[in-house]
Amino acid sequence: QVQLVESGGGLVQPGGSLRLSCAASGRIPNIYVMGWYRQAPGKQRELVAAIDSDGYMNYADPVKGRFTISRDSARNTVYLQMNSLLPEDTAVYYCNAKHPYGGGSEYWGRGTQVTVSS
Protein backbone atom coordinates (compact mmCIF):
# COMPACT_ATOMS: atom_id res chain seq x y z
CA GLN A 1 0.00 0.00 0.00
CA VAL A 2 1.49 3.29 -1.12
CA GLN A 3 1.20 6.35 1.07
CA LEU A 4 2.26 9.88 0.21
CA VAL A 5 3.32 12.17 3.05
CA GLU A 6 3.83 15.88 2.50
CA SER A 7 5.98 18.15 4.65
CA GLY A 8 7.46 21.62 4.57
CA GLY A 9 4.35 23.78 4.75
CA GLY A 10 3.98 26.69 7.11
CA LEU A 11 3.52 30.42 7.48
CA VAL A 12 5.69 32.70 5.36
CA GLN A 13 5.66 36.39 4.51
CA PRO A 14 4.93 37.59 0.99
CA GLY A 15 8.06 37.31 -1.12
CA GLY A 16 9.39 34.45 0.96
CA SER A 17 10.17 30.86 0.03
CA LEU A 18 9.18 27.38 1.09
CA ARG A 19 10.21 23.93 -0.05
CA LEU A 20 7.62 21.19 0.06
CA SER A 21 8.56 17.52 0.09
CA CYS A 22 6.47 14.47 -0.65
CA ALA A 23 7.82 11.11 0.40
CA ALA A 24 6.24 7.89 -0.78
CA SER A 25 6.22 4.82 1.40
CA GLY A 26 6.06 1.88 -0.92
CA ARG A 27 7.09 1.68 -4.52
CA ILE A 28 5.84 4.23 -7.02
CA PRO A 29 6.35 2.95 -10.57
CA ASN A 30 8.83 5.16 -12.40
CA ILE A 31 6.30 5.72 -15.19
CA TYR A 32 3.96 7.53 -12.81
CA VAL A 33 3.52 11.27 -13.07
CA MET A 34 4.16 13.05 -9.76
CA GLY A 35 2.37 16.30 -9.12
CA TRP A 36 1.43 18.98 -6.67
CA TYR A 37 -2.11 20.32 -6.40
CA ARG A 38 -3.54 22.99 -4.14
CA GLN A 39 -6.92 23.90 -2.78
CA ALA A 40 -7.74 27.28 -1.32
CA PRO A 41 -10.83 27.84 0.87
CA GLY A 42 -13.98 27.92 -1.24
CA LYS A 43 -12.13 26.92 -4.41
CA GLN A 44 -11.63 23.73 -6.36
CA ARG A 45 -8.44 21.75 -6.17
CA GLU A 46 -6.11 22.77 -9.00
CA LEU A 47 -2.90 21.49 -10.51
CA VAL A 48 0.19 23.46 -9.53
CA ALA A 49 2.97 21.48 -11.16
CA ALA A 50 3.71 17.98 -12.43
CA ILE A 51 6.74 16.03 -13.56
CA ASP A 52 6.79 12.85 -15.59
CA SER A 53 9.26 9.98 -15.69
CA ASP A 54 11.34 11.73 -18.36
CA GLY A 55 11.64 14.86 -16.26
CA TYR A 56 9.21 16.88 -18.35
CA MET A 57 7.64 19.53 -16.16
CA ASN A 58 4.30 21.26 -16.43
CA TYR A 59 3.30 24.34 -14.44
CA ALA A 60 0.10 26.26 -13.89
CA ASP A 61 0.34 29.78 -15.30
CA PRO A 62 0.10 31.56 -11.90
CA VAL A 63 3.25 29.82 -10.61
CA LYS A 64 5.45 29.81 -13.71
CA GLY A 65 8.82 31.36 -13.00
CA ARG A 66 8.31 31.15 -9.24
CA PHE A 67 7.84 27.43 -8.46
CA THR A 68 10.08 24.52 -9.42
CA ILE A 69 9.15 20.86 -9.22
CA SER A 70 11.77 18.15 -8.99
CA ARG A 71 11.83 14.44 -8.47
CA ASP A 72 14.20 11.92 -6.90
CA SER A 73 12.97 8.58 -8.20
CA ALA A 74 15.56 6.61 -6.25
CA ARG A 75 14.13 8.06 -3.02
CA ASN A 76 10.52 8.07 -4.20
CA THR A 77 10.36 11.75 -3.33
CA VAL A 78 9.09 14.81 -5.15
CA TYR A 79 9.78 18.42 -4.18
CA LEU A 80 8.21 21.78 -4.83
CA GLN A 81 10.44 24.81 -4.40
CA MET A 82 8.26 27.88 -4.03
CA ASN A 83 9.81 31.33 -4.34
CA SER A 84 8.38 34.84 -4.41
CA LEU A 85 5.30 33.62 -2.62
CA LEU A 86 2.10 35.65 -2.84
CA PRO A 87 -0.93 35.76 -0.53
CA GLU A 88 -2.92 34.06 -3.29
CA ASP A 89 -0.63 31.04 -2.99
CA THR A 90 -2.24 30.32 0.37
CA ALA A 91 -3.80 26.87 0.21
CA VAL A 92 -3.50 23.27 1.27
CA TYR A 93 -0.96 21.62 -1.02
CA TYR A 94 -1.43 17.99 -1.96
CA CYS A 95 0.97 15.49 -3.48
CA ASN A 96 -0.32 13.19 -6.21
CA ALA A 97 0.96 10.18 -8.11
CA LYS A 98 -0.84 8.69 -11.07
CA HIS A 99 -0.32 6.64 -14.19
CA PRO A 100 0.16 8.90 -17.23
CA TYR A 101 -2.41 6.99 -19.28
CA GLY A 102 -5.03 6.48 -16.61
CA GLY A 103 -4.31 2.89 -15.68
CA GLY A 104 -3.38 1.60 -12.25
CA SER A 105 -3.98 3.29 -8.92
CA GLU A 106 -3.88 7.00 -8.16
CA TYR A 107 -2.48 8.19 -4.87
CA TRP A 108 -2.99 11.36 -2.82
CA GLY A 109 -1.31 12.72 0.27
CA ARG A 110 -3.24 14.34 3.10
CA GLY A 111 -1.92 17.79 2.35
CA THR A 112 0.20 20.44 3.97
CA GLN A 113 -0.95 23.98 4.74
CA VAL A 114 0.87 26.91 3.16
CA THR A 115 -0.08 30.35 4.42
CA VAL A 116 1.40 33.49 2.91
CA SER A 117 0.69 36.49 5.07
CA SER A 118 2.38 39.46 6.66
C-alpha atoms as a PDB file:
ATOM      1  CA  GLN A   1       0.000   0.000   0.000  1.00  0.00           C
ATOM      2  CA  VAL A   2       1.489   3.285  -1.121  1.00  0.00           C
ATOM      3  CA  GLN A   3       1.195   6.350   1.074  1.00  0.00           C
ATOM      4  CA  LEU A   4       2.258   9.880   0.214  1.00  0.00           C
ATOM      5  CA  VAL A   5       3.323  12.168   3.047  1.00  0.00           C
ATOM      6  CA  GLU A   6       3.835  15.881   2.501  1.00  0.00           C
ATOM      7  CA  SER A   7       5.979  18.147   4.646  1.00  0.00           C
ATOM      8  CA  GLY A   8       7.456  21.624   4.572  1.00  0.00           C
ATOM      9  CA  GLY A   9       4.352  23.779   4.746  1.00  0.00           C
ATOM     10  CA  GLY A  10       3.984  26.693   7.105  1.00  0.00           C
ATOM     11  CA  LEU A  11       3.524  30.419   7.479  1.00  0.00           C
ATOM     12  CA  VAL A  12       5.692  32.698   5.358  1.00  0.00           C
ATOM     13  CA  GLN A  13       5.664  36.391   4.509  1.00  0.00           C
ATOM     14  CA  PRO A  14       4.933  37.591   0.986  1.00  0.00           C
ATOM     15  CA  GLY A  15       8.064  37.313  -1.121  1.00  0.00           C
ATOM     16  CA  GLY A  16       9.390  34.448   0.957  1.00  0.00           C
ATOM     17  CA  SER A  17      10.171  30.864   0.027  1.00  0.00           C
ATOM     18  CA  LEU A  18       9.179  27.382   1.095  1.00  0.00           C
ATOM     19  CA  ARG A  19      10.212  23.927  -0.047  1.00  0.00           C
ATOM     20  CA  LEU A  20       7.621  21.186   0.061  1.00  0.00           C
ATOM     21  CA  SER A  21       8.560  17.524   0.092  1.00  0.00           C
ATOM     22  CA  CYS A  22       6.469  14.468  -0.649  1.00  0.00           C
ATOM     23  CA  ALA A  23       7.820  11.108   0.403  1.00  0.00           C
ATOM     24  CA  ALA A  24       6.244   7.891  -0.782  1.00  0.00           C
ATOM     25  CA  SER A  25       6.222   4.823   1.396  1.00  0.00           C
ATOM     26  CA  GLY A  26       6.064   1.882  -0.916  1.00  0.00           C
ATOM     27  CA  ARG A  27       7.091   1.682  -4.519  1.00  0.00           C
ATOM     28  CA  ILE A  28       5.840   4.229  -7.018  1.00  0.00           C
ATOM     29  CA  PRO A  29       6.353   2.947 -10.566  1.00  0.00           C
ATOM     30  CA  ASN A  30       8.831   5.158 -12.399  1.00  0.00           C
ATOM     31  CA  ILE A  31       6.302   5.720 -15.191  1.00  0.00           C
ATOM     32  CA  TYR A  32       3.962   7.532 -12.810  1.00  0.00           C
ATOM     33  CA  VAL A  33       3.520  11.270 -13.070  1.00  0.00           C
ATOM     34  CA  MET A  34       4.155  13.051  -9.763  1.00  0.00           C
ATOM     35  CA  GLY A  35       2.366  16.298  -9.125  1.00  0.00           C
ATOM     36  CA  TRP A  36       1.426  18.982  -6.670  1.00  0.00           C
ATOM     37  CA  TYR A  37      -2.114  20.316  -6.397  1.00  0.00           C
ATOM     38  CA  ARG A  38      -3.545  22.985  -4.138  1.00  0.00           C
ATOM     39  CA  GLN A  39      -6.920  23.904  -2.778  1.00  0.00           C
ATOM     40  CA  ALA A  40      -7.739  27.285  -1.316  1.00  0.00           C
ATOM     41  CA  PRO A  41     -10.828  27.836   0.874  1.00  0.00           C
ATOM     42  CA  GLY A  42     -13.975  27.923  -1.238  1.00  0.00           C
ATOM     43  CA  LYS A  43     -12.132  26.918  -4.407  1.00  0.00           C
ATOM     44  CA  GLN A  44     -11.631  23.734  -6.358  1.00  0.00           C
ATOM     45  CA  ARG A  45      -8.442  21.748  -6.173  1.00  0.00           C
ATOM     46  CA  GLU A  46      -6.110  22.774  -8.999  1.00  0.00           C
ATOM     47  CA  LEU A  47      -2.899  21.495 -10.511  1.00  0.00           C
ATOM     48  CA  VAL A  48       0.187  23.465  -9.527  1.00  0.00           C
ATOM     49  CA  ALA A  49       2.973  21.481 -11.162  1.00  0.00           C
ATOM     50  CA  ALA A  50       3.706  17.983 -12.430  1.00  0.00           C
ATOM     51  CA  ILE A  51       6.743  16.034 -13.559  1.00  0.00           C
ATOM     52  CA  ASP A  52       6.795  12.845 -15.592  1.00  0.00           C
ATOM     53  CA  SER A  53       9.264   9.982 -15.692  1.00  0.00           C
ATOM     54  CA  ASP A  54      11.340  11.730 -18.362  1.00  0.00           C
ATOM     55  CA  GLY A  55      11.637  14.861 -16.259  1.00  0.00           C
ATOM     56  CA  TYR A  56       9.214  16.875 -18.353  1.00  0.00           C
ATOM     57  CA  MET A  57       7.640  19.530 -16.157  1.00  0.00           C
ATOM     58  CA  ASN A  58       4.304  21.265 -16.434  1.00  0.00           C
ATOM     59  CA  TYR A  59       3.299  24.342 -14.445  1.00  0.00           C
ATOM     60  CA  ALA A  60       0.099  26.257 -13.892  1.00  0.00           C
ATOM     61  CA  ASP A  61       0.338  29.778 -15.297  1.00  0.00           C
ATOM     62  CA  PRO A  62       0.099  31.556 -11.900  1.00  0.00           C
ATOM     63  CA  VAL A  63       3.248  29.823 -10.606  1.00  0.00           C
ATOM     64  CA  LYS A  64       5.445  29.812 -13.708  1.00  0.00           C
ATOM     65  CA  GLY A  65       8.820  31.356 -13.003  1.00  0.00           C
ATOM     66  CA  ARG A  66       8.306  31.147  -9.236  1.00  0.00           C
ATOM     67  CA  PHE A  67       7.845  27.428  -8.458  1.00  0.00           C
ATOM     68  CA  THR A  68      10.082  24.516  -9.420  1.00  0.00           C
ATOM     69  CA  ILE A  69       9.146  20.856  -9.215  1.00  0.00           C
ATOM     70  CA  SER A  70      11.774  18.151  -8.989  1.00  0.00           C
ATOM     71  CA  ARG A  71      11.835  14.439  -8.475  1.00  0.00           C
ATOM     72  CA  ASP A  72      14.197  11.917  -6.902  1.00  0.00           C
ATOM     73  CA  SER A  73      12.968   8.583  -8.197  1.00  0.00           C
ATOM     74  CA  ALA A  74      15.560   6.612  -6.251  1.00  0.00           C
ATOM     75  CA  ARG A  75      14.127   8.055  -3.017  1.00  0.00           C
ATOM     76  CA  ASN A  76      10.518   8.070  -4.204  1.00  0.00           C
ATOM     77  CA  THR A  77      10.359  11.749  -3.329  1.00  0.00           C
ATOM     78  CA  VAL A  78       9.090  14.812  -5.146  1.00  0.00           C
ATOM     79  CA  TYR A  79       9.776  18.416  -4.177  1.00  0.00           C
ATOM     80  CA  LEU A  80       8.210  21.783  -4.827  1.00  0.00           C
ATOM     81  CA  GLN A  81      10.436  24.809  -4.403  1.00  0.00           C
ATOM     82  CA  MET A  82       8.256  27.880  -4.027  1.00  0.00           C
ATOM     83  CA  ASN A  83       9.814  31.326  -4.338  1.00  0.00           C
ATOM     84  CA  SER A  84       8.381  34.840  -4.414  1.00  0.00           C
ATOM     85  CA  LEU A  85       5.297  33.621  -2.617  1.00  0.00           C
ATOM     86  CA  LEU A  86       2.101  35.646  -2.841  1.00  0.00           C
ATOM     87  CA  PRO A  87      -0.930  35.758  -0.534  1.00  0.00           C
ATOM     88  CA  GLU A  88      -2.918  34.059  -3.291  1.00  0.00           C
ATOM     89  CA  ASP A  89      -0.629  31.037  -2.990  1.00  0.00           C
ATOM     90  CA  THR A  90      -2.236  30.319   0.373  1.00  0.00           C
ATOM     91  CA  ALA A  91      -3.800  26.866   0.206  1.00  0.00           C
ATOM     92  CA  VAL A  92      -3.495  23.265   1.268  1.00  0.00           C
ATOM     93  CA  TYR A  93      -0.960  21.619  -1.020  1.00  0.00           C
ATOM     94  CA  TYR A  94      -1.434  17.985  -1.963  1.00  0.00           C
ATOM     95  CA  CYS A  95       0.970  15.494  -3.478  1.00  0.00           C
ATOM     96  CA  ASN A  96      -0.323  13.191  -6.213  1.00  0.00           C
ATOM     97  CA  ALA A  97       0.963  10.180  -8.106  1.00  0.00           C
ATOM     98  CA  LYS A  98      -0.835   8.694 -11.066  1.00  0.00           C
ATOM     99  CA  HIS A  99      -0.321   6.644 -14.194  1.00  0.00           C
ATOM    100  CA  PRO A 100       0.158   8.904 -17.234  1.00  0.00           C
ATOM    101  CA  TYR A 101      -2.409   6.992 -19.282  1.00  0.00           C
ATOM    102  CA  GLY A 102      -5.031   6.477 -16.613  1.00  0.00           C
ATOM    103  CA  GLY A 103      -4.306   2.887 -15.684  1.00  0.00           C
ATOM    104  CA  GLY A 104      -3.381   1.598 -12.255  1.00  0.00           C
ATOM    105  CA  SER A 105      -3.978   3.293  -8.920  1.00  0.00           C
ATOM    106  CA  GLU A 106      -3.879   6.998  -8.165  1.00  0.00           C
ATOM    107  CA  TYR A 107      -2.477   8.188  -4.868  1.00  0.00           C
ATOM    108  CA  TRP A 108      -2.989  11.356  -2.817  1.00  0.00           C
ATOM    109  CA  GLY A 109      -1.307  12.716   0.265  1.00  0.00           C
ATOM    110  CA  ARG A 110      -3.244  14.337   3.100  1.00  0.00           C
ATOM    111  CA  GLY A 111      -1.923  17.789   2.352  1.00  0.00           C
ATOM    112  CA  THR A 112       0.202  20.443   3.973  1.00  0.00           C
ATOM    113  CA  GLN A 113      -0.949  23.979   4.737  1.00  0.00           C
ATOM    114  CA  VAL A 114       0.866  26.907   3.159  1.00  0.00           C
ATOM    115  CA  THR A 115      -0.083  30.355   4.419  1.00  0.00           C
ATOM    116  CA  VAL A 116       1.402  33.493   2.910  1.00  0.00           C
ATOM    117  CA  SER A 117       0.685  36.495   5.072  1.00  0.00           C
ATOM    118  CA  SER A 118       2.382  39.464   6.657  1.00  0.00           C
END
